[in-house]
Protein backbone atom coordinates (compact mmCIF):
# COMPACT_ATOMS: atom_id res chain seq x y z
CA UNK A 1 12.23 -9.99 -35.89
CA UNK A 2 11.59 -10.38 -32.15
CA UNK A 3 13.07 -13.61 -30.78
CA UNK A 4 11.92 -15.36 -27.63
CA UNK A 5 14.49 -15.16 -24.87
CA UNK A 6 15.93 -18.42 -23.65
CA UNK A 7 14.19 -19.52 -20.41
CA UNK A 8 11.86 -16.51 -20.72
CA UNK A 9 9.20 -18.10 -18.49
CA UNK A 10 11.76 -18.81 -15.76
CA UNK A 11 13.08 -15.25 -16.09
CA UNK A 12 9.60 -13.78 -15.56
CA UNK A 13 9.02 -16.06 -12.58
CA UNK A 14 12.28 -14.83 -11.06
CA UNK A 15 11.23 -11.23 -11.70
CA UNK A 16 7.95 -11.52 -9.79
CA UNK A 17 9.60 -13.73 -7.18
CA UNK A 18 11.77 -10.72 -6.32
CA UNK A 19 8.73 -9.12 -4.69
CA UNK A 20 8.88 -11.61 -1.82
CA UNK A 21 12.63 -12.30 -1.91
CA UNK A 22 14.59 -10.64 0.90
CA UNK A 23 17.33 -9.85 -1.61
CA UNK A 24 14.90 -8.14 -3.96
CA UNK A 25 15.81 -8.09 -7.66
CA UNK A 26 19.38 -9.41 -7.30
CA UNK A 27 18.44 -12.96 -8.36
CA UNK A 28 16.50 -11.74 -11.37
CA UNK A 29 19.45 -9.64 -12.53
CA UNK A 30 21.75 -12.68 -12.28
CA UNK A 31 19.40 -14.68 -14.53
CA UNK A 32 19.06 -11.75 -16.91
CA UNK A 33 22.83 -11.47 -17.36
CA UNK A 34 23.04 -15.14 -18.27
CA UNK A 35 20.15 -14.90 -20.71
CA UNK A 36 21.53 -11.99 -22.80
CA UNK A 37 25.25 -12.75 -22.42
CA UNK A 38 26.02 -9.73 -20.24
CA UNK A 39 28.71 -9.20 -17.62
CA UNK A 40 26.85 -7.06 -15.06
CA UNK A 41 23.41 -5.60 -14.47
CA UNK A 42 21.92 -2.96 -12.20
CA UNK A 43 18.43 -1.78 -11.31
CA UNK A 44 18.92 1.72 -9.91
CA UNK A 45 16.77 4.30 -8.19
CA UNK A 46 18.41 7.57 -9.26
CA UNK A 47 17.67 10.93 -7.65
CA UNK A 48 17.63 13.59 -10.36
CA UNK A 49 18.73 16.65 -8.36
CA UNK A 50 21.39 16.37 -7.15
CA UNK A 51 22.26 13.39 -9.34
CA UNK A 52 22.90 10.48 -7.04
CA UNK A 53 22.00 6.84 -6.47
CA UNK A 54 19.34 6.33 -3.79
CA UNK A 55 19.04 2.54 -4.12
CA UNK A 56 20.65 -0.26 -6.10
CA UNK A 57 20.04 -3.92 -6.93
CA UNK A 58 22.92 -5.47 -8.88
CA UNK A 59 24.83 -8.53 -10.02
CA UNK A 60 28.29 -8.91 -11.50
CA UNK A 61 29.93 -5.98 -9.69
CA UNK A 62 32.61 -6.42 -7.03
CA UNK A 63 32.23 -4.89 -3.58
CA UNK A 64 35.51 -3.05 -4.15
CA UNK A 65 34.23 -1.47 -7.34
CA UNK A 66 30.89 -0.52 -5.76
CA UNK A 67 32.66 1.15 -2.87
CA UNK A 68 34.79 3.24 -5.24
CA UNK A 69 31.82 4.04 -7.48
CA UNK A 70 29.59 5.21 -4.64
CA UNK A 71 32.28 7.02 -2.68
CA UNK A 72 33.20 9.12 -5.72
CA UNK A 73 29.60 9.45 -6.96
CA UNK A 74 30.68 8.18 -10.37
CA UNK A 75 27.06 8.02 -11.45
CA UNK A 76 27.34 11.75 -12.13
CA UNK A 77 29.71 10.86 -15.02
CA UNK A 78 27.70 7.92 -16.31
CA UNK A 79 26.59 8.47 -19.92
CA UNK A 80 23.41 6.39 -19.69
CA UNK A 81 22.25 7.85 -16.39
CA UNK A 82 22.76 11.45 -17.50
CA UNK A 83 20.66 10.77 -20.57
CA UNK A 84 18.04 8.57 -18.91
CA UNK A 85 17.00 11.02 -16.19
CA UNK A 86 15.55 13.26 -18.92
CA UNK A 87 13.66 10.44 -20.66
CA UNK A 88 10.17 9.03 -20.23
CA UNK A 89 9.68 5.29 -19.63
CA UNK A 90 10.24 3.45 -22.91
CA UNK A 91 11.97 0.40 -24.38
CA UNK A 92 15.50 -1.04 -24.23
CA UNK A 93 18.19 0.89 -26.09
CA UNK A 94 21.90 0.53 -26.71
CA UNK A 95 24.30 2.97 -25.06
CA UNK A 96 26.62 3.16 -28.11
CA UNK A 97 24.72 5.99 -29.88
CA UNK A 98 25.17 8.17 -26.77
CA UNK A 99 28.97 7.92 -26.61
CA UNK A 100 30.13 10.36 -29.34
CA UNK A 101 28.56 13.38 -27.62
CA UNK A 102 29.61 12.48 -24.08
CA UNK A 103 32.85 13.48 -22.38
CA UNK A 104 33.40 11.50 -19.14
CA UNK A 105 36.07 12.33 -16.58
CA UNK A 106 39.41 10.57 -16.50
CA UNK A 107 38.44 8.30 -13.59
CA UNK A 108 35.32 7.10 -15.36
CA UNK A 109 37.17 6.51 -18.64
CA UNK A 110 39.86 4.57 -16.77
CA UNK A 111 37.17 2.38 -15.17
CA UNK A 112 35.57 1.61 -18.56
CA UNK A 113 38.96 0.67 -20.01
CA UNK A 114 39.94 -1.43 -16.99
CA UNK A 115 36.65 -3.33 -17.08
CA UNK A 116 36.81 -3.65 -20.87
CA UNK A 117 33.25 -2.28 -21.13
CA UNK A 118 31.78 -1.81 -24.59
CA UNK A 119 27.99 -1.41 -24.48
CA UNK A 120 24.95 -1.31 -22.18
CA UNK A 121 21.33 -2.17 -22.85
CA UNK A 122 19.35 0.35 -20.82
CA UNK A 123 15.69 0.85 -19.94
CA UNK A 124 13.90 3.68 -18.17
CA UNK A 125 11.47 1.60 -16.14
CA UNK A 126 9.69 4.49 -14.46
CA UNK A 127 10.11 8.21 -13.93
CA UNK A 128 8.76 10.60 -11.30
CA UNK A 129 9.45 14.31 -10.84
CA UNK A 130 12.28 13.43 -8.44
CA UNK A 131 13.52 9.95 -9.41
CA UNK A 132 14.29 7.69 -12.38
CA UNK A 133 14.14 3.90 -12.13
CA UNK A 134 16.79 2.61 -14.52
CA UNK A 135 17.81 -0.91 -15.59
CA UNK A 136 21.18 -1.43 -17.34
CA UNK A 137 22.90 -4.59 -18.60
CA UNK A 138 26.59 -4.20 -19.51
CA UNK A 139 28.65 -6.08 -22.09
CA UNK A 140 32.40 -6.28 -22.58
CA UNK A 141 34.32 -5.94 -25.84
CA UNK A 142 34.56 -9.71 -26.05
CA UNK A 143 30.79 -10.09 -25.70
CA UNK A 144 30.10 -7.54 -28.43
CA UNK A 145 27.51 -4.79 -28.83
CA UNK A 146 23.77 -5.26 -28.45
CA UNK A 147 22.13 -6.03 -31.77
CA UNK A 148 18.62 -4.81 -32.51
CA UNK A 149 17.22 -8.36 -32.37
CA UNK A 150 18.46 -8.77 -28.80
CA UNK A 151 17.02 -5.43 -27.73
CA UNK A 152 13.67 -6.37 -29.27
CA UNK A 153 13.76 -9.66 -27.39
CA UNK A 154 14.44 -7.80 -24.15
CA UNK A 155 11.47 -5.58 -24.89
CA UNK A 156 9.21 -8.61 -24.40
CA UNK A 157 10.09 -8.30 -20.71
CA UNK A 158 9.40 -4.56 -20.41
CA UNK A 159 5.70 -4.79 -19.34
CA UNK A 160 6.62 -7.36 -16.70
CA UNK A 161 9.61 -5.37 -15.43
CA UNK A 162 7.53 -2.19 -15.22
CA UNK A 163 4.73 -3.96 -13.34
CA UNK A 164 7.12 -5.68 -10.92
CA UNK A 165 8.90 -2.41 -10.07
CA UNK A 166 5.55 -0.68 -9.55
CA UNK A 167 4.39 -3.48 -7.25
CA UNK A 168 7.67 -3.28 -5.35
CA UNK A 169 7.14 0.44 -4.82
CA UNK A 170 3.60 -0.17 -3.58
CA UNK A 171 4.78 -2.86 -1.17
CA UNK A 172 7.52 -0.57 0.07
CA UNK A 173 4.96 2.19 0.55
CA UNK A 174 2.75 -0.20 2.55
CA UNK A 175 5.69 -1.10 4.75
CA UNK A 176 6.55 2.55 5.42
CA UNK A 177 2.94 3.41 6.08
CA UNK A 178 2.60 0.55 8.52
CA UNK A 179 5.72 1.52 10.45
CA UNK A 180 4.64 5.17 10.57
CA UNK A 181 1.14 4.34 11.76
CA UNK A 182 2.31 1.67 14.20
CA UNK A 183 3.35 3.99 16.99
CA UNK A 184 0.01 5.80 16.79
CA UNK A 185 -2.23 2.74 16.55
CA UNK A 186 -0.41 0.62 19.11
CA UNK A 187 -1.24 2.89 22.05
CA UNK A 188 -4.98 2.94 21.37
CA UNK A 189 -6.98 0.99 24.00
CA UNK A 190 -9.44 -0.60 21.56
CA UNK A 191 -8.76 -3.15 18.82
CA UNK A 192 -7.73 -1.08 15.80
CA UNK A 193 -6.99 -2.08 12.20
CA UNK A 194 -5.72 0.00 9.30
CA UNK A 195 -7.06 -0.88 5.85
CA UNK A 196 -5.29 0.26 2.69
CA UNK A 197 -6.90 1.52 -0.51
CA UNK A 198 -7.77 -2.08 -1.47
CA UNK A 199 -9.47 -2.66 1.90
CA UNK A 200 -6.73 -5.13 2.89
CA UNK A 201 -5.54 -5.14 6.50
CA UNK A 202 -2.31 -3.18 6.51
CA UNK A 203 -1.67 -3.03 10.25
CA UNK A 204 -3.31 -4.01 13.55
CA UNK A 205 -2.43 -3.17 17.14
CA UNK A 206 -1.82 -5.67 19.93
CA UNK A 207 -5.41 -5.45 21.22
CA UNK A 208 -6.66 -6.24 17.71
CA UNK A 209 -4.35 -9.22 17.34
CA UNK A 210 -5.52 -10.59 20.70
CA UNK A 211 -9.13 -10.13 19.60
CA UNK A 212 -8.56 -12.15 16.43
CA UNK A 213 -7.00 -14.98 18.42
CA UNK A 214 -9.82 -14.96 20.96
CA UNK A 215 -12.95 -14.69 18.80
CA UNK A 216 -13.92 -17.64 16.61
CA UNK A 217 -16.53 -15.61 14.75
CA UNK A 218 -13.84 -13.29 13.37
CA UNK A 219 -10.61 -13.84 11.51
CA UNK A 220 -8.21 -12.41 8.92
CA UNK A 221 -7.47 -14.45 5.81
CA UNK A 222 -5.23 -13.25 3.02
CA UNK A 223 -5.07 -9.81 4.69
CA UNK A 224 -8.86 -9.43 4.68
CA UNK A 225 -11.53 -9.66 7.37
CA UNK A 226 -13.33 -12.99 7.48
CA UNK A 227 -16.65 -13.25 9.35
CA UNK A 228 -18.51 -16.41 10.27
CA UNK A 229 -21.73 -14.50 9.66
CA UNK A 230 -22.25 -14.37 5.86
CA UNK A 231 -24.56 -11.35 5.90
CA UNK A 232 -21.99 -9.38 7.86
CA UNK A 233 -19.26 -10.48 5.45
CA UNK A 234 -21.19 -8.98 2.55
CA UNK A 235 -22.07 -5.85 4.54
CA UNK A 236 -18.45 -5.29 5.56
CA UNK A 237 -17.23 -5.74 1.99
CA UNK A 238 -19.74 -3.20 0.70
CA UNK A 239 -19.23 -0.72 3.53
CA UNK A 240 -15.43 -0.82 3.55
CA UNK A 241 -15.41 -0.23 -0.21
CA UNK A 242 -17.61 2.83 0.22
CA UNK A 243 -15.54 4.22 3.09
CA UNK A 244 -12.27 3.69 1.20
CA UNK A 245 -13.69 5.42 -1.87
CA UNK A 246 -14.70 8.38 0.27
CA UNK A 247 -11.19 8.54 1.74
CA UNK A 248 -9.87 9.22 -1.76
CA UNK A 249 -12.48 11.89 -2.43
CA UNK A 250 -14.35 9.70 -4.91
CA UNK A 251 -17.59 9.38 -3.00
CA UNK A 252 -19.49 11.41 -0.42
CA UNK A 253 -19.52 8.96 2.44
CA UNK A 254 -18.20 9.11 5.97
CA UNK A 255 -18.05 6.55 8.76
CA UNK A 256 -20.21 3.47 9.26
CA UNK A 257 -20.94 0.98 12.06
CA UNK A 258 -21.58 -2.76 11.87
CA UNK A 259 -22.37 -5.25 14.65
CA UNK A 260 -20.96 -8.77 14.89
CA UNK A 261 -23.32 -10.99 16.87
CA UNK A 262 -21.92 -13.41 19.44
CA UNK A 263 -24.08 -16.21 20.80
CA UNK A 264 -25.10 -15.49 24.39
CA UNK A 265 -22.93 -12.36 24.51
CA UNK A 266 -23.07 -8.71 23.53
CA UNK A 267 -22.12 -7.98 19.90
CA UNK A 268 -18.78 -6.56 18.82
CA UNK A 269 -19.10 -3.05 17.40
CA UNK A 270 -17.16 -2.33 14.20
CA UNK A 271 -16.71 1.38 13.45
CA UNK A 272 -15.21 2.03 9.99
CA UNK A 273 -13.81 5.53 9.36
CA UNK A 274 -12.03 6.90 6.28
CA UNK A 275 -8.31 7.70 6.34
CA UNK A 276 -7.74 10.56 3.92
CA UNK A 277 -5.21 10.16 1.16
CA UNK A 278 -1.76 11.34 2.25
CA UNK A 279 1.94 10.69 1.77
CA UNK A 280 1.55 7.55 3.86
CA UNK A 281 -1.52 6.04 2.22
CA UNK A 282 -3.37 6.47 -1.05
CA UNK A 283 -6.55 6.30 1.00
CA UNK A 284 -7.94 3.67 3.33
CA UNK A 285 -9.97 3.07 6.44
CA UNK A 286 -9.51 2.84 10.19
CA UNK A 287 -11.51 0.00 11.75
CA UNK A 288 -12.05 0.17 15.50
CA UNK A 289 -13.69 -2.76 17.26
CA UNK A 290 -15.38 -2.04 20.58
CA UNK A 291 -16.07 -4.94 22.93
CA UNK A 292 -18.87 -4.07 25.37
CA UNK A 293 -17.66 -6.75 27.77
CA UNK A 294 -14.44 -4.80 28.30
CA UNK A 295 -15.58 -1.24 27.59
CA UNK A 296 -18.50 0.69 29.08
CA UNK A 297 -20.50 2.38 26.33
CA UNK A 298 -21.76 6.00 26.60
CA UNK A 299 -24.83 6.42 28.79
CA UNK A 300 -28.01 8.26 27.76
CA UNK A 301 -27.09 11.08 30.16
CA UNK A 302 -23.71 11.63 28.52
CA UNK A 303 -25.18 11.42 25.02
CA UNK A 304 -27.94 13.92 25.86
CA UNK A 305 -25.50 16.40 27.35
CA UNK A 306 -22.96 16.22 24.52
CA UNK A 307 -25.36 16.32 21.55
CA UNK A 308 -28.11 18.47 23.15
CA UNK A 309 -30.74 15.74 22.83
CA UNK A 310 -33.85 15.15 24.89
CA UNK A 311 -33.70 12.34 27.48
CA UNK A 312 -36.04 10.25 25.29
CA UNK A 313 -33.86 10.74 22.20
CA UNK A 314 -30.71 9.94 24.16
CA UNK A 315 -32.26 6.68 25.40
CA UNK A 316 -32.80 5.64 21.78
CA UNK A 317 -29.17 6.47 21.02
CA UNK A 318 -27.95 4.46 24.02
CA UNK A 319 -29.77 1.40 22.67
CA UNK A 320 -28.62 1.92 19.08
CA UNK A 321 -25.00 2.14 20.21
CA UNK A 322 -25.41 -1.19 22.02
CA UNK A 323 -26.54 -2.86 18.80
CA UNK A 324 -30.30 -2.80 19.41
CA UNK A 325 -32.38 -2.18 16.27
CA UNK A 326 -35.41 0.20 16.25
CA UNK A 327 -37.81 -2.69 16.90
CA UNK A 328 -35.78 -3.75 19.92
CA UNK A 329 -35.52 -0.13 21.11
CA UNK A 330 -39.31 0.17 21.00
CA UNK A 331 -39.76 -2.99 23.04
CA UNK A 332 -37.15 -2.00 25.62
CA UNK A 333 -38.41 1.56 26.02
CA UNK A 334 -42.13 0.76 25.88
CA UNK A 335 -42.72 2.86 22.78
CA UNK A 336 -44.12 2.17 19.35
CA UNK A 337 -41.73 1.49 16.48
CA UNK A 338 -43.17 4.52 14.70
CA UNK A 339 -42.30 6.73 17.66
CA UNK A 340 -38.75 5.41 17.80
CA UNK A 341 -38.26 5.96 14.05
CA UNK A 342 -39.59 9.49 14.38
CA UNK A 343 -37.16 10.16 17.22
CA UNK A 344 -34.29 8.81 15.13
CA UNK A 345 -35.15 11.31 12.38
CA UNK A 346 -35.05 14.12 14.95
CA UNK A 347 -31.68 12.86 16.20
CA UNK A 348 -30.32 12.85 12.64
CA UNK A 349 -31.28 16.49 12.22
CA UNK A 350 -29.68 17.52 15.52
CA UNK A 351 -26.44 15.59 14.92
CA UNK A 352 -26.18 16.23 11.16
CA UNK A 353 -26.15 12.51 10.42
CA UNK A 354 -28.00 10.63 7.70
CA UNK A 355 -27.54 6.97 8.74
CA UNK A 356 -27.67 5.01 11.98
CA UNK A 357 -24.14 3.70 11.40
CA UNK A 358 -22.82 7.22 11.02
CA UNK A 359 -24.66 8.33 14.17
CA UNK A 360 -23.27 5.46 16.26
CA UNK A 361 -19.76 6.12 14.98
CA UNK A 362 -20.05 9.80 15.88
CA UNK A 363 -21.28 9.04 19.41
CA UNK A 364 -18.48 6.54 20.05
CA UNK A 365 -15.83 8.85 18.61
CA UNK A 366 -17.00 11.73 20.78
CA UNK A 367 -17.61 9.97 24.09
CA UNK A 368 -15.23 7.00 24.25
CA UNK A 369 -11.66 7.98 25.13
């Protein structure tokens, strides 16, 4: 029969609290030891080949012991670890059934005897081709072996432990991605934001941070863009989702452009481009914000020369890039709306674009440096 662990709710809170705790899972392991009457616990990231410990959260081990253990790579003689690296993620098990077929070295045997170790409850939390994430909770002879009822009680925590470790890995990946992208993004002259696969703001450069502080119509709340203009909020949500999906190869969609209106001023231009899935990110988007008050936009002459357009077509592009819709273009250029729309279709054919947002993004990418 599965029994509820004492203070199970508090234990789960401590587990998820580790995601924001500077000390990681150390506090959770301390609570876990007290709950199941253990003497020490470790959450290890084990490299399979060569067998070594890449990371460790622990409680109940002395610094002196850890130094000896790591210096001599004693994990290579550990019965649980040698077995666990070949196992798929599962449930808690006792280490006692593994002992008869295992022959540790003299140093490892001496350590077990000195520490009076008897049993370990162990769990393969996750496994990748290169690493195993392993949780162990030791008991001494005085504390006794792990009974099946205790292991079954620990298994109530397994879904939570697995989810917390996965979240920790994702957060760590975000941190590494941000630091790797930082040096690239920081030197860009325009306000630039990196969105992750959930369309959350992962990183922004100094120009972007200054823009957020300066513009009341734009903000970031809970790592997401927040616009004063409700229609733009909905448009950005929809567009960023499409761009992110395309970055992961799930949808045929490229870049897009949105305009944030400012009363009595030129609009801010938001260009949203996909970041292809890589070792750094599982997919995402690069958002560049162009401020016409600080940045001269491409002229019709430059656009015509680069994309081989007629002067009339390039004039339409110049206005579109500045945030003028086809109706406004027609009024500014003294043409009918039908003529402007026909010219836009011709421009699409010449530039291999299918949407105005894609066209504007392509022009800005090509001619703003």
